[in-house]
Amino acid sequence: MSKAILSIDDSPSIRQMITLTLSGAGYRVDTACDGAEGYHKAVAGPYSAIITDQNMPNMTGIEFIRKFRAHPSSRGVPIIFLSTESDPASKQAAKEAGAIGWIVKPFNQDQLIAAVRKVAGA
């Protein structure tokens, strides 16, 4: 059975690119269009890893991470931040909220696969 990854991003094209990239690498990918939808899917999980954007309507990536990390089902679920932002303050805020990795958009497909394999396994 393939490992499940949750991708949270308000951009349909980014969600599609992540889905194509990771499903091609053998993962099952579920998607959410913002942090609020992502939270509901994440707690219903389980997921081997979650990839989230920062700037989204309804709930930002940082808000999603903080809320999800307060839920018991978040234990052991790695979260990777995928964002156009790359400043040290944003990275630190994501890390403090509970993210373990950061990838800057636009992303390299091989880089995304390598990051997911590192945190979720093959």
PDB file of N, CA and C in Angstrom:
ATOM      1  N   MET A   1       0.846  -1.184   0.000  1.00  0.00           N
ATOM      2  CA  MET A   1       0.000   0.000   0.000  1.00  0.00           C
ATOM      3  C   MET A   1       0.888   1.243   0.000  1.00  0.00           C
ATOM      4  N   SER A   2       0.548   2.202  -0.832  1.00  0.00           N
ATOM      5  CA  SER A   2       1.374   3.401  -0.929  1.00  0.00           C
ATOM      6  C   SER A   2       1.127   4.340   0.245  1.00  0.00           C
ATOM      7  N   LYS A   3       2.151   5.108   0.569  1.00  0.00           N
ATOM      8  CA  LYS A   3       2.049   6.073   1.665  1.00  0.00           C
ATOM      9  C   LYS A   3       1.248   7.280   1.213  1.00  0.00           C
ATOM     10  N   ALA A   4       0.459   7.816   2.143  1.00  0.00           N
ATOM     11  CA  ALA A   4      -0.414   8.945   1.824  1.00  0.00           C
ATOM     12  C   ALA A   4       0.238  10.261   2.221  1.00  0.00           C
ATOM     13  N   ILE A   5       0.172  11.217   1.316  1.00  0.00           N
ATOM     14  CA  ILE A   5       0.700  12.561   1.527  1.00  0.00           C
ATOM     15  C   ILE A   5      -0.458  13.544   1.359  1.00  0.00           C
ATOM     16  N   LEU A   6      -0.531  14.535   2.246  1.00  0.00           N
ATOM     17  CA  LEU A   6      -1.534  15.591   2.121  1.00  0.00           C
ATOM     18  C   LEU A   6      -0.844  16.854   1.633  1.00  0.00           C
ATOM     19  N   SER A   7      -1.347  17.415   0.543  1.00  0.00           N
ATOM     20  CA  SER A   7      -0.823  18.656  -0.028  1.00  0.00           C
ATOM     21  C   SER A   7      -1.847  19.762   0.187  1.00  0.00           C
ATOM     22  N   ILE A   8      -1.426  20.838   0.867  1.00  0.00           N
ATOM     23  CA  ILE A   8      -2.319  21.958   1.155  1.00  0.00           C
ATOM     24  C   ILE A   8      -1.780  23.201   0.451  1.00  0.00           C
ATOM     25  N   ASP A   9      -2.527  23.693  -0.530  1.00  0.00           N
ATOM     26  CA  ASP A   9      -2.101  24.873  -1.287  1.00  0.00           C
ATOM     27  C   ASP A   9      -3.319  25.474  -1.969  1.00  0.00           C
ATOM     28  N   ASP A  10      -3.403  26.791  -2.001  1.00  0.00           N
ATOM     29  CA  ASP A  10      -4.549  27.438  -2.639  1.00  0.00           C
ATOM     30  C   ASP A  10      -4.419  27.508  -4.159  1.00  0.00           C
ATOM     31  N   SER A  11      -3.271  27.169  -4.694  1.00  0.00           N
ATOM     32  CA  SER A  11      -3.060  27.197  -6.142  1.00  0.00           C
ATOM     33  C   SER A  11      -3.386  25.831  -6.756  1.00  0.00           C
ATOM     34  N   PRO A  12      -4.415  25.762  -7.612  1.00  0.00           N
ATOM     35  CA  PRO A  12      -4.737  24.484  -8.253  1.00  0.00           C
ATOM     36  C   PRO A  12      -3.565  23.910  -9.050  1.00  0.00           C
ATOM     37  N   SER A  13      -2.781  24.767  -9.709  1.00  0.00           N
ATOM     38  CA  SER A  13      -1.660  24.268 -10.510  1.00  0.00           C
ATOM     39  C   SER A  13      -0.563  23.673  -9.630  1.00  0.00           C
ATOM     40  N   ILE A  14      -0.320  24.262  -8.461  1.00  0.00           N
ATOM     41  CA  ILE A  14       0.677  23.697  -7.539  1.00  0.00           C
ATOM     42  C   ILE A  14       0.181  22.363  -6.991  1.00  0.00           C
ATOM     43  N   ARG A  15      -1.094  22.292  -6.610  1.00  0.00           N
ATOM     44  CA  ARG A  15      -1.648  21.023  -6.118  1.00  0.00           C
ATOM     45  C   ARG A  15      -1.521  19.944  -7.186  1.00  0.00           C
ATOM     46  N   GLN A  16      -1.809  20.310  -8.439  1.00  0.00           N
ATOM     47  CA  GLN A  16      -1.715  19.349  -9.531  1.00  0.00           C
ATOM     48  C   GLN A  16      -0.267  18.903  -9.746  1.00  0.00           C
ATOM     49  N   MET A  17       0.677  19.845  -9.700  1.00  0.00           N
ATOM     50  CA  MET A  17       2.087  19.507  -9.894  1.00  0.00           C
ATOM     51  C   MET A  17       2.585  18.587  -8.776  1.00  0.00           C
ATOM     52  N   ILE A  18       2.217  18.889  -7.540  1.00  0.00           N
ATOM     53  CA  ILE A  18       2.617  18.036  -6.413  1.00  0.00           C
ATOM     54  C   ILE A  18       2.014  16.645  -6.575  1.00  0.00           C
ATOM     55  N   THR A  19       0.735  16.587  -6.939  1.00  0.00           N
ATOM     56  CA  THR A  19       0.067  15.298  -7.118  1.00  0.00           C
ATOM     57  C   THR A  19       0.743  14.479  -8.212  1.00  0.00           C
ATOM     58  N   LEU A  20       0.997  15.086  -9.355  1.00  0.00           N
ATOM     59  CA  LEU A  20       1.647  14.369 -10.455  1.00  0.00           C
ATOM     60  C   LEU A  20       3.044  13.905 -10.069  1.00  0.00           C
ATOM     61  N   THR A  21       3.797  14.785  -9.414  1.00  0.00           N
ATOM     62  CA  THR A  21       5.169  14.455  -9.025  1.00  0.00           C
ATOM     63  C   THR A  21       5.203  13.298  -8.034  1.00  0.00           C
ATOM     64  N   LEU A  22       4.418  13.412  -6.976  1.00  0.00           N
ATOM     65  CA  LEU A  22       4.484  12.397  -5.918  1.00  0.00           C
ATOM     66  C   LEU A  22       3.754  11.108  -6.279  1.00  0.00           C
ATOM     67  N   SER A  23       2.665  11.192  -7.025  1.00  0.00           N
ATOM     68  CA  SER A  23       1.994   9.956  -7.436  1.00  0.00           C
ATOM     69  C   SER A  23       2.886   9.188  -8.408  1.00  0.00           C
ATOM     70  N   GLY A  24       3.640   9.908  -9.223  1.00  0.00           N
ATOM     71  CA  GLY A  24       4.598   9.267 -10.112  1.00  0.00           C
ATOM     72  C   GLY A  24       5.726   8.574  -9.371  1.00  0.00           C
ATOM     73  N   ALA A  25       5.966   9.014  -8.127  1.00  0.00           N
ATOM     74  CA  ALA A  25       6.999   8.400  -7.287  1.00  0.00           C
ATOM     75  C   ALA A  25       6.411   7.326  -6.370  1.00  0.00           C
ATOM     76  N   GLY A  26       5.120   7.020  -6.555  1.00  0.00           N
ATOM     77  CA  GLY A  26       4.515   5.924  -5.805  1.00  0.00           C
ATOM     78  C   GLY A  26       3.717   6.308  -4.572  1.00  0.00           C
ATOM     79  N   TYR A  27       3.493   7.585  -4.355  1.00  0.00           N
ATOM     80  CA  TYR A  27       2.714   8.034  -3.198  1.00  0.00           C
ATOM     81  C   TYR A  27       1.258   8.266  -3.598  1.00  0.00           C
ATOM     82  N   ARG A  28       0.364   8.151  -2.610  1.00  0.00           N
ATOM     83  CA  ARG A  28      -1.032   8.551  -2.800  1.00  0.00           C
ATOM     84  C   ARG A  28      -1.139   9.969  -2.266  1.00  0.00           C
ATOM     85  N   VAL A  29      -1.693  10.876  -3.051  1.00  0.00           N
ATOM     86  CA  VAL A  29      -1.744  12.289  -2.666  1.00  0.00           C
ATOM     87  C   VAL A  29      -3.190  12.754  -2.536  1.00  0.00           C
ATOM     88  N   ASP A  30      -3.509  13.315  -1.374  1.00  0.00           N
ATOM     89  CA  ASP A  30      -4.778  14.001  -1.158  1.00  0.00           C
ATOM     90  C   ASP A  30      -4.467  15.489  -1.140  1.00  0.00           C
ATOM     91  N   THR A  31      -5.440  16.311  -1.522  1.00  0.00           N
ATOM     92  CA  THR A  31      -5.200  17.749  -1.575  1.00  0.00           C
ATOM     93  C   THR A  31      -6.255  18.524  -0.797  1.00  0.00           C
ATOM     94  N   ALA A  32      -5.861  19.728  -0.394  1.00  0.00           N
ATOM     95  CA  ALA A  32      -6.763  20.675   0.260  1.00  0.00           C
ATOM     96  C   ALA A  32      -6.424  22.064  -0.259  1.00  0.00           C
ATOM     97  N   CYS A  33      -7.440  22.929  -0.379  1.00  0.00           N
ATOM     98  CA  CYS A  33      -7.242  24.244  -0.996  1.00  0.00           C
ATOM     99  C   CYS A  33      -6.882  25.338   0.002  1.00  0.00           C
ATOM    100  N   ASP A  34      -6.927  25.059   1.287  1.00  0.00           N
ATOM    101  CA  ASP A  34      -6.501  26.036   2.294  1.00  0.00           C
ATOM    102  C   ASP A  34      -6.248  25.312   3.613  1.00  0.00           C
ATOM    103  N   GLY A  35      -5.744  26.054   4.591  1.00  0.00           N
ATOM    104  CA  GLY A  35      -5.404  25.443   5.867  1.00  0.00           C
ATOM    105  C   GLY A  35      -6.594  24.865   6.603  1.00  0.00           C
ATOM    106  N   ALA A  36      -7.764  25.489   6.469  1.00  0.00           N
ATOM    107  CA  ALA A  36      -8.958  24.991   7.156  1.00  0.00           C
ATOM    108  C   ALA A  36      -9.368  23.624   6.611  1.00  0.00           C
ATOM    109  N   GLU A  37      -9.441  23.493   5.289  1.00  0.00           N
ATOM    110  CA  GLU A  37      -9.764  22.198   4.687  1.00  0.00           C
ATOM    111  C   GLU A  37      -8.653  21.196   4.994  1.00  0.00           C
ATOM    112  N   GLY A  38      -7.411  21.664   4.935  1.00  0.00           N
ATOM    113  CA  GLY A  38      -6.278  20.802   5.238  1.00  0.00           C
ATOM    114  C   GLY A  38      -6.337  20.250   6.649  1.00  0.00           C
ATOM    115  N   TYR A  39      -6.722  21.091   7.601  1.00  0.00           N
ATOM    116  CA  TYR A  39      -6.822  20.645   8.992  1.00  0.00           C
ATOM    117  C   TYR A  39      -7.842  19.512   9.123  1.00  0.00           C
ATOM    118  N   HIS A  40      -9.008  19.669   8.520  1.00  0.00           N
ATOM    119  CA  HIS A  40     -10.046  18.638   8.613  1.00  0.00           C
ATOM    120  C   HIS A  40      -9.577  17.320   7.996  1.00  0.00           C
ATOM    121  N   LYS A  41      -8.872  17.406   6.881  1.00  0.00           N
ATOM    122  CA  LYS A  41      -8.355  16.189   6.252  1.00  0.00           C
ATOM    123  C   LYS A  41      -7.214  15.598   7.077  1.00  0.00           C
ATOM    124  N   ALA A  42      -6.355  16.456   7.610  1.00  0.00           N
ATOM    125  CA  ALA A  42      -5.189  15.982   8.367  1.00  0.00           C
ATOM    126  C   ALA A  42      -5.604  15.204   9.609  1.00  0.00           C
ATOM    127  N   VAL A  43      -6.583  15.703  10.349  1.00  0.00           N
ATOM    128  CA  VAL A  43      -6.995  15.003  11.573  1.00  0.00           C
ATOM    129  C   VAL A  43      -7.768  13.728  11.255  1.00  0.00           C
ATOM    130  N   ALA A  44      -8.350  13.648  10.047  1.00  0.00           N
ATOM    131  CA  ALA A  44      -9.041  12.434   9.630  1.00  0.00           C
ATOM    132  C   ALA A  44      -8.054  11.399   9.108  1.00  0.00           C
ATOM    133  N   GLY A  45      -6.851  11.810   8.704  1.00  0.00           N
ATOM    134  CA  GLY A  45      -5.734  11.037   8.190  1.00  0.00           C
ATOM    135  C   GLY A  45      -5.911   9.525   8.228  1.00  0.00           C
ATOM    136  N   PRO A  46      -4.869   8.775   8.426  1.00  0.00           N
ATOM    137  CA  PRO A  46      -3.510   9.246   8.709  1.00  0.00           C
ATOM    138  C   PRO A  46      -2.717   9.555   7.436  1.00  0.00           C
ATOM    139  N   TYR A  47      -1.709  10.401   7.601  1.00  0.00           N
ATOM    140  CA  TYR A  47      -0.806  10.758   6.513  1.00  0.00           C
ATOM    141  C   TYR A  47       0.631  10.494   6.933  1.00  0.00           C
ATOM    142  N   SER A  48       1.438  10.089   5.968  1.00  0.00           N
ATOM    143  CA  SER A  48       2.862   9.863   6.227  1.00  0.00           C
ATOM    144  C   SER A  48       3.632  11.169   6.240  1.00  0.00           C
ATOM    145  N   ALA A  49       3.090  12.203   5.581  1.00  0.00           N
ATOM    146  CA  ALA A  49       3.689  13.543   5.578  1.00  0.00           C
ATOM    147  C   ALA A  49       2.652  14.529   5.059  1.00  0.00           C
ATOM    148  N   ILE A  50       2.856  15.798   5.415  1.00  0.00           N
ATOM    149  CA  ILE A  50       1.994  16.881   4.950  1.00  0.00           C
ATOM    150  C   ILE A  50       2.882  17.964   4.352  1.00  0.00           C
ATOM    151  N   ILE A  51       2.451  18.496   3.215  1.00  0.00           N
ATOM    152  CA  ILE A  51       3.141  19.608   2.559  1.00  0.00           C
ATOM    153  C   ILE A  51       2.173  20.779   2.556  1.00  0.00           C
ATOM    154  N   THR A  52       2.597  21.926   3.085  1.00  0.00           N
ATOM    155  CA  THR A  52       1.694  23.071   3.136  1.00  0.00           C
ATOM    156  C   THR A  52       2.336  24.354   2.634  1.00  0.00           C
ATOM    157  N   ASP A  53       1.515  25.164   2.006  1.00  0.00           N
ATOM    158  CA  ASP A  53       1.874  26.519   1.601  1.00  0.00           C
ATOM    159  C   ASP A  53       1.686  27.428   2.812  1.00  0.00           C
ATOM    160  N   GLN A  54       2.161  28.663   2.726  1.00  0.00           N
ATOM    161  CA  GLN A  54       1.953  29.634   3.803  1.00  0.00           C
ATOM    162  C   GLN A  54       0.754  30.528   3.518  1.00  0.00           C
ATOM    163  N   ASN A  55       0.798  31.273   2.431  1.00  0.00           N
ATOM    164  CA  ASN A  55      -0.218  32.293   2.154  1.00  0.00           C
ATOM    165  C   ASN A  55      -1.436  31.684   1.474  1.00  0.00           C
ATOM    166  N   MET A  56      -2.484  31.443   2.282  1.00  0.00           N
ATOM    167  CA  MET A  56      -3.728  30.859   1.788  1.00  0.00           C
ATOM    168  C   MET A  56      -4.899  31.550   2.474  1.00  0.00           C
ATOM    169  N   PRO A  57      -6.072  31.524   1.832  1.00  0.00           N
ATOM    170  CA  PRO A  57      -7.255  32.089   2.485  1.00  0.00           C
ATOM    171  C   PRO A  57      -7.718  31.203   3.648  1.00  0.00           C
ATOM    172  N   ASN A  58      -8.499  31.762   4.529  1.00  0.00           N
ATOM    173  CA  ASN A  58      -9.140  31.076   5.661  1.00  0.00           C
ATOM    174  C   ASN A  58      -8.188  30.681   6.786  1.00  0.00           C
ATOM    175  N   MET A  59      -7.055  30.075   6.466  1.00  0.00           N
ATOM    176  CA  MET A  59      -6.074  29.683   7.475  1.00  0.00           C
ATOM    177  C   MET A  59      -4.715  29.563   6.794  1.00  0.00           C
ATOM    178  N   THR A  60      -3.726  30.303   7.279  1.00  0.00           N
ATOM    179  CA  THR A  60      -2.384  30.245   6.686  1.00  0.00           C
ATOM    180  C   THR A  60      -1.703  28.926   7.033  1.00  0.00           C
ATOM    181  N   GLY A  61      -0.573  28.690   6.398  1.00  0.00           N
ATOM    182  CA  GLY A  61       0.195  27.492   6.695  1.00  0.00           C
ATOM    183  C   GLY A  61       0.659  27.434   8.141  1.00  0.00           C
ATOM    184  N   ILE A  62       1.150  28.545   8.670  1.00  0.00           N
ATOM    185  CA  ILE A  62       1.596  28.591  10.073  1.00  0.00           C
ATOM    186  C   ILE A  62       0.417  28.314  11.003  1.00  0.00           C
ATOM    187  N   GLU A  63      -0.731  28.931  10.730  1.00  0.00           N
ATOM    188  CA  GLU A  63      -1.924  28.692  11.554  1.00  0.00           C
ATOM    189  C   GLU A  63      -2.341  27.225  11.486  1.00  0.00           C
ATOM    190  N   PHE A  64      -2.280  26.638  10.279  1.00  0.00           N
ATOM    191  CA  PHE A  64      -2.600  25.218  10.126  1.00  0.00           C
ATOM    192  C   PHE A  64      -1.674  24.364  10.985  1.00  0.00           C
ATOM    193  N   ILE A  65      -0.363  24.619  10.878  1.00  0.00           N
ATOM    194  CA  ILE A  65       0.598  23.800  11.620  1.00  0.00           C
ATOM    195  C   ILE A  65       0.340  23.898  13.121  1.00  0.00           C
ATOM    196  N   ARG A  66       0.159  25.107  13.622  1.00  0.00           N
ATOM    197  CA  ARG A  66      -0.088  25.278  15.061  1.00  0.00           C
ATOM    198  C   ARG A  66      -1.340  24.524  15.507  1.00  0.00           C
ATOM    199  N   LYS A  67      -2.413  24.643  14.731  1.00  0.00           N
ATOM    200  CA  LYS A  67      -3.666  23.974  15.098  1.00  0.00           C
ATOM    201  C   LYS A  67      -3.510  22.458  15.011  1.00  0.00           C
ATOM    202  N   PHE A  68      -2.890  21.979  13.934  1.00  0.00           N
ATOM    203  CA  PHE A  68      -2.712  20.536  13.765  1.00  0.00           C
ATOM    204  C   PHE A  68      -1.799  19.964  14.843  1.00  0.00           C
ATOM    205  N   ARG A  69      -0.720  20.656  15.168  1.00  0.00           N
ATOM    206  CA  ARG A  69       0.210  20.160  16.195  1.00  0.00           C
ATOM    207  C   ARG A  69      -0.443  20.081  17.576  1.00  0.00           C
ATOM    208  N   ALA A  70      -1.528  20.818  17.796  1.00  0.00           N
ATOM    209  CA  ALA A  70      -2.253  20.746  19.068  1.00  0.00           C
ATOM    210  C   ALA A  70      -3.174  19.523  19.126  1.00  0.00           C
ATOM    211  N   HIS A  71      -3.354  18.843  17.999  1.00  0.00           N
ATOM    212  CA  HIS A  71      -4.237  17.675  17.926  1.00  0.00           C
ATOM    213  C   HIS A  71      -3.411  16.399  18.105  1.00  0.00           C
ATOM    214  N   PRO A  72      -3.923  15.419  18.862  1.00  0.00           N
ATOM    215  CA  PRO A  72      -3.164  14.177  19.096  1.00  0.00           C
ATOM    216  C   PRO A  72      -2.773  13.427  17.820  1.00  0.00           C
ATOM    217  N   SER A  73      -3.562  13.537  16.758  1.00  0.00           N
ATOM    218  CA  SER A  73      -3.253  12.798  15.529  1.00  0.00           C
ATOM    219  C   SER A  73      -2.033  13.336  14.790  1.00  0.00           C
ATOM    220  N   SER A  74      -1.514  14.489  15.227  1.00  0.00           N
ATOM    221  CA  SER A  74      -0.351  15.069  14.539  1.00  0.00           C
ATOM    222  C   SER A  74       0.959  14.422  14.965  1.00  0.00           C
ATOM    223  N   ARG A  75       0.914  13.631  16.011  1.00  0.00           N
ATOM    224  CA  ARG A  75       2.140  13.037  16.544  1.00  0.00           C
ATOM    225  C   ARG A  75       2.851  12.200  15.480  1.00  0.00           C
ATOM    226  N   GLY A  76       4.102  12.538  15.238  1.00  0.00           N
ATOM    227  CA  GLY A  76       4.918  11.785  14.298  1.00  0.00           C
ATOM    228  C   GLY A  76       4.684  12.097  12.830  1.00  0.00           C
ATOM    229  N   VAL A  77       3.812  13.053  12.521  1.00  0.00           N
ATOM    230  CA  VAL A  77       3.544  13.397  11.117  1.00  0.00           C
ATOM    231  C   VAL A  77       4.450  14.557  10.714  1.00  0.00           C
ATOM    232  N   PRO A  78       5.405  14.318   9.818  1.00  0.00           N
ATOM    233  CA  PRO A  78       6.289  15.404   9.383  1.00  0.00           C
ATOM    234  C   PRO A  78       5.561  16.388   8.474  1.00  0.00           C
ATOM    235  N   ILE A  79       5.874  17.669   8.647  1.00  0.00           N
ATOM    236  CA  ILE A  79       5.275  18.721   7.826  1.00  0.00           C
ATOM    237  C   ILE A  79       6.385  19.472   7.099  1.00  0.00           C
ATOM    238  N   ILE A  80       6.234  19.572   5.785  1.00  0.00           N
ATOM    239  CA  ILE A  80       7.170  20.313   4.941  1.00  0.00           C
ATOM    240  C   ILE A  80       6.474  21.578   4.466  1.00  0.00           C
ATOM    241  N   PHE A  81       7.153  22.690   4.594  1.00  0.00           N
ATOM    242  CA  PHE A  81       6.644  23.974   4.113  1.00  0.00           C
ATOM    243  C   PHE A  81       7.070  24.148   2.670  1.00  0.00           C
ATOM    244  N   LEU A  82       6.145  24.518   1.795  1.00  0.00           N
ATOM    245  CA  LEU A  82       6.427  24.783   0.387  1.00  0.00           C
ATOM    246  C   LEU A  82       5.896  26.176   0.099  1.00  0.00           C
ATOM    247  N   SER A  83       6.793  27.147  -0.065  1.00  0.00           N
ATOM    248  CA  SER A  83       6.355  28.539  -0.137  1.00  0.00           C
ATOM    249  C   SER A  83       7.254  29.370  -1.044  1.00  0.00           C
ATOM    250  N   THR A  84       6.709  30.474  -1.529  1.00  0.00           N
ATOM    251  CA  THR A  84       7.519  31.424  -2.292  1.00  0.00           C
ATOM    252  C   THR A  84       8.409  32.233  -1.365  1.00  0.00           C
ATOM    253  N   GLU A  85       8.083  32.248  -0.094  1.00  0.00           N
ATOM    254  CA  GLU A  85       8.866  33.005   0.886  1.00  0.00           C
ATOM    255  C   GLU A  85      10.115  32.217   1.269  1.00  0.00           C
ATOM    256  N   SER A  86      11.215  32.938   1.456  1.00  0.00           N
ATOM    257  CA  SER A  86      12.454  32.248   1.822  1.00  0.00           C
ATOM    258  C   SER A  86      13.248  33.005   2.879  1.00  0.00           C
ATOM    259  N   ASP A  87      12.626  34.028   3.479  1.00  0.00           N
ATOM    260  CA  ASP A  87      13.363  34.812   4.467  1.00  0.00           C
ATOM    261  C   ASP A  87      13.534  34.021   5.765  1.00  0.00           C
ATOM    262  N   PRO A  88      14.624  34.259   6.486  1.00  0.00           N
ATOM    263  CA  PRO A  88      14.916  33.516   7.716  1.00  0.00           C
ATOM    264  C   PRO A  88      13.814  33.606   8.772  1.00  0.00           C
ATOM    265  N   ALA A  89      13.149  34.747   8.897  1.00  0.00           N
ATOM    266  CA  ALA A  89      12.092  34.892   9.907  1.00  0.00           C
ATOM    267  C   ALA A  89      10.915  33.962   9.609  1.00  0.00           C
ATOM    268  N   SER A  90      10.541  33.836   8.340  1.00  0.00           N
ATOM    269  CA  SER A  90       9.446  32.937   7.963  1.00  0.00           C
ATOM    270  C   SER A  90       9.824  31.485   8.222  1.00  0.00           C
ATOM    271  N   LYS A  91      11.053  31.126   7.867  1.00  0.00           N
ATOM    272  CA  LYS A  91      11.522  29.759   8.111  1.00  0.00           C
ATOM    273  C   LYS A  91      11.532  29.440   9.598  1.00  0.00           C
ATOM    274  N   GLN A  92      11.987  30.390  10.406  1.00  0.00           N
ATOM    275  CA  GLN A  92      12.024  30.186  11.849  1.00  0.00           C
ATOM    276  C   GLN A  92      10.616  30.035  12.418  1.00  0.00           C
ATOM    277  N   ALA A  93       9.676  30.849  11.944  1.00  0.00           N
ATOM    278  CA  ALA A  93       8.286  30.763  12.412  1.00  0.00           C
ATOM    279  C   ALA A  93       7.690  29.399  12.073  1.00  0.00           C
ATOM    280  N   ALA A  94       7.971  28.900  10.870  1.00  0.00           N
ATOM    281  CA  ALA A  94       7.464  27.587  10.467  1.00  0.00           C
ATOM    282  C   ALA A  94       8.077  26.489  11.328  1.00  0.00           C
ATOM    283  N   LYS A  95       9.365  26.589  11.585  1.00  0.00           N
ATOM    284  CA  LYS A  95      10.047  25.595  12.417  1.00  0.00           C
ATOM    285  C   LYS A  95       9.482  25.602  13.832  1.00  0.00           C
ATOM    286  N   GLU A  96       9.294  26.790  14.391  1.00  0.00           N
ATOM    287  CA  GLU A  96       8.748  26.895  15.742  1.00  0.00           C
ATOM    288  C   GLU A  96       7.325  26.352  15.822  1.00  0.00           C
ATOM    289  N   ALA A  97       6.566  26.488  14.733  1.00  0.00           N
ATOM    290  CA  ALA A  97       5.197  25.967  14.705  1.00  0.00           C
ATOM    291  C   ALA A  97       5.177  24.446  14.610  1.00  0.00           C
ATOM    292  N   GLY A  98       6.244  23.862  14.026  1.00  0.00           N
ATOM    293  CA  GLY A  98       6.310  22.412  13.947  1.00  0.00           C
ATOM    294  C   GLY A  98       6.655  21.837  12.591  1.00  0.00           C
ATOM    295  N   ALA A  99       7.047  22.673  11.629  1.00  0.00           N
ATOM    296  CA  ALA A  99       7.495  22.169  10.327  1.00  0.00           C
ATOM    297  C   ALA A  99       8.922  21.648  10.463  1.00  0.00           C
ATOM    298  N   ILE A 100       9.254  20.627   9.674  1.00  0.00           N
ATOM    299  CA  ILE A 100      10.614  20.087   9.758  1.00  0.00           C
ATOM    300  C   ILE A 100      11.430  20.337   8.497  1.00  0.00           C
ATOM    301  N   GLY A 101      10.783  20.859   7.450  1.00  0.00           N
ATOM    302  CA  GLY A 101      11.502  21.124   6.211  1.00  0.00           C
ATOM    303  C   GLY A 101      10.906  22.309   5.484  1.00  0.00           C
ATOM    304  N   TRP A 102      11.674  22.853   4.534  1.00  0.00           N
ATOM    305  CA  TRP A 102      11.263  24.047   3.789  1.00  0.00           C
ATOM    306  C   TRP A 102      11.729  23.904   2.358  1.00  0.00           C
ATOM    307  N   ILE A 103      10.807  24.062   1.419  1.00  0.00           N
ATOM    308  CA  ILE A 103      11.146  24.060  -0.002  1.00  0.00           C
ATOM    309  C   ILE A 103      10.583  25.344  -0.600  1.00  0.00           C
ATOM    310  N   VAL A 104      11.413  26.036  -1.391  1.00  0.00           N
ATOM    311  CA  VAL A 104      10.999  27.301  -1.995  1.00  0.00           C
ATOM    312  C   VAL A 104      10.390  27.035  -3.370  1.00  0.00           C
ATOM    313  N   LYS A 105       9.235  27.671  -3.639  1.00  0.00           N
ATOM    314  CA  LYS A 105       8.616  27.622  -4.973  1.00  0.00           C
ATOM    315  C   LYS A 105       9.321  28.628  -5.871  1.00  0.00           C
ATOM    316  N   PRO A 106       9.433  28.356  -7.154  1.00  0.00           N
ATOM    317  CA  PRO A 106       9.040  27.113  -7.795  1.00  0.00           C
ATOM    318  C   PRO A 106       9.991  25.991  -7.390  1.00  0.00           C
ATOM    319  N   PHE A 107       9.447  24.800  -7.228  1.00  0.00           N
ATOM    320  CA  PHE A 107      10.251  23.691  -6.721  1.00  0.00           C
ATOM    321  C   PHE A 107      10.723  22.784  -7.850  1.00  0.00           C
ATOM    322  N   ASN A 108      11.816  22.113  -7.590  1.00  0.00           N
ATOM    323  CA  ASN A 108      12.359  21.097  -8.474  1.00  0.00           C
ATOM    324  C   ASN A 108      11.678  19.779  -8.093  1.00  0.00           C
ATOM    325  N   GLN A 109      11.166  19.053  -9.063  1.00  0.00           N
ATOM    326  CA  GLN A 109      10.439  17.816  -8.776  1.00  0.00           C
ATOM    327  C   GLN A 109      11.297  16.801  -8.029  1.00  0.00           C
ATOM    328  N   ASP A 110      12.551  16.659  -8.428  1.00  0.00           N
ATOM    329  CA  ASP A 110      13.440  15.713  -7.751  1.00  0.00           C
ATOM    330  C   ASP A 110      13.686  16.127  -6.307  1.00  0.00           C
ATOM    331  N   GLN A 111      13.784  17.431  -6.079  1.00  0.00           N
ATOM    332  CA  GLN A 111      13.979  17.946  -4.720  1.00  0.00           C
ATOM    333  C   GLN A 111      12.765  17.613  -3.847  1.00  0.00           C
ATOM    334  N   LEU A 112      11.564  17.766  -4.396  1.00  0.00           N
ATOM    335  CA  LEU A 112      10.348  17.454  -3.646  1.00  0.00           C
ATOM    336  C   LEU A 112      10.288  15.971  -3.310  1.00  0.00           C
ATOM    337  N   ILE A 113      10.549  15.124  -4.280  1.00  0.00           N
ATOM    338  CA  ILE A 113      10.529  13.675  -4.046  1.00  0.00           C
ATOM    339  C   ILE A 113      11.560  13.298  -2.990  1.00  0.00           C
ATOM    340  N   ALA A 114      12.764  13.851  -3.096  1.00  0.00           N
ATOM    341  CA  ALA A 114      13.817  13.544  -2.122  1.00  0.00           C
ATOM    342  C   ALA A 114      13.413  13.973  -0.717  1.00  0.00           C
ATOM    343  N   ALA A 115      12.800  15.149  -0.595  1.00  0.00           N
ATOM    344  CA  ALA A 115      12.379  15.641   0.722  1.00  0.00           C
ATOM    345  C   ALA A 115      11.298  14.749   1.316  1.00  0.00           C
ATOM    346  N   VAL A 116      10.332  14.347   0.505  1.00  0.00           N
ATOM    347  CA  VAL A 116       9.253  13.488   1.003  1.00  0.00           C
ATOM    348  C   VAL A 116       9.800  12.115   1.374  1.00  0.00           C
ATOM    349  N   ARG A 117      10.675  11.563   0.553  1.00  0.00           N
ATOM    350  CA  ARG A 117      11.275  10.260   0.890  1.00  0.00           C
ATOM    351  C   ARG A 117      12.062  10.336   2.195  1.00  0.00           C
ATOM    352  N   LYS A 118      12.737  11.446   2.407  1.00  0.00           N
ATOM    353  CA  LYS A 118      13.536  11.614   3.624  1.00  0.00           C
ATOM    354  C   LYS A 118      12.658  11.600   4.871  1.00  0.00           C
ATOM    355  N   VAL A 119      11.507  12.268   4.813  1.00  0.00           N
ATOM    356  CA  VAL A 119      10.670  12.375   6.015  1.00  0.00           C
ATOM    357  C   VAL A 119       9.607  11.288   6.122  1.00  0.00           C
ATOM    358  N   ALA A 120       9.157  10.739   4.985  1.00  0.00           N
ATOM    359  CA  ALA A 120       8.061   9.768   5.015  1.00  0.00           C
ATOM    360  C   ALA A 120       8.485   8.357   4.627  1.00  0.00           C
ATOM    361  N   GLY A 121       9.656   8.231   4.036  1.00  0.00           N
ATOM    362  CA  GLY A 121      10.089   6.934   3.533  1.00  0.00           C
ATOM    363  C   GLY A 121       9.578   6.726   2.116  1.00  0.00           C
ATOM    364  N   ALA A 122      10.078   5.664   1.490  1.00  0.00           N
ATOM    365  CA  ALA A 122       9.705   5.399   0.089  1.00  0.00           C
ATOM    366  C   ALA A 122       8.364   4.719  -0.011  1.00  0.00           C
TER     367      ALA A 122
END
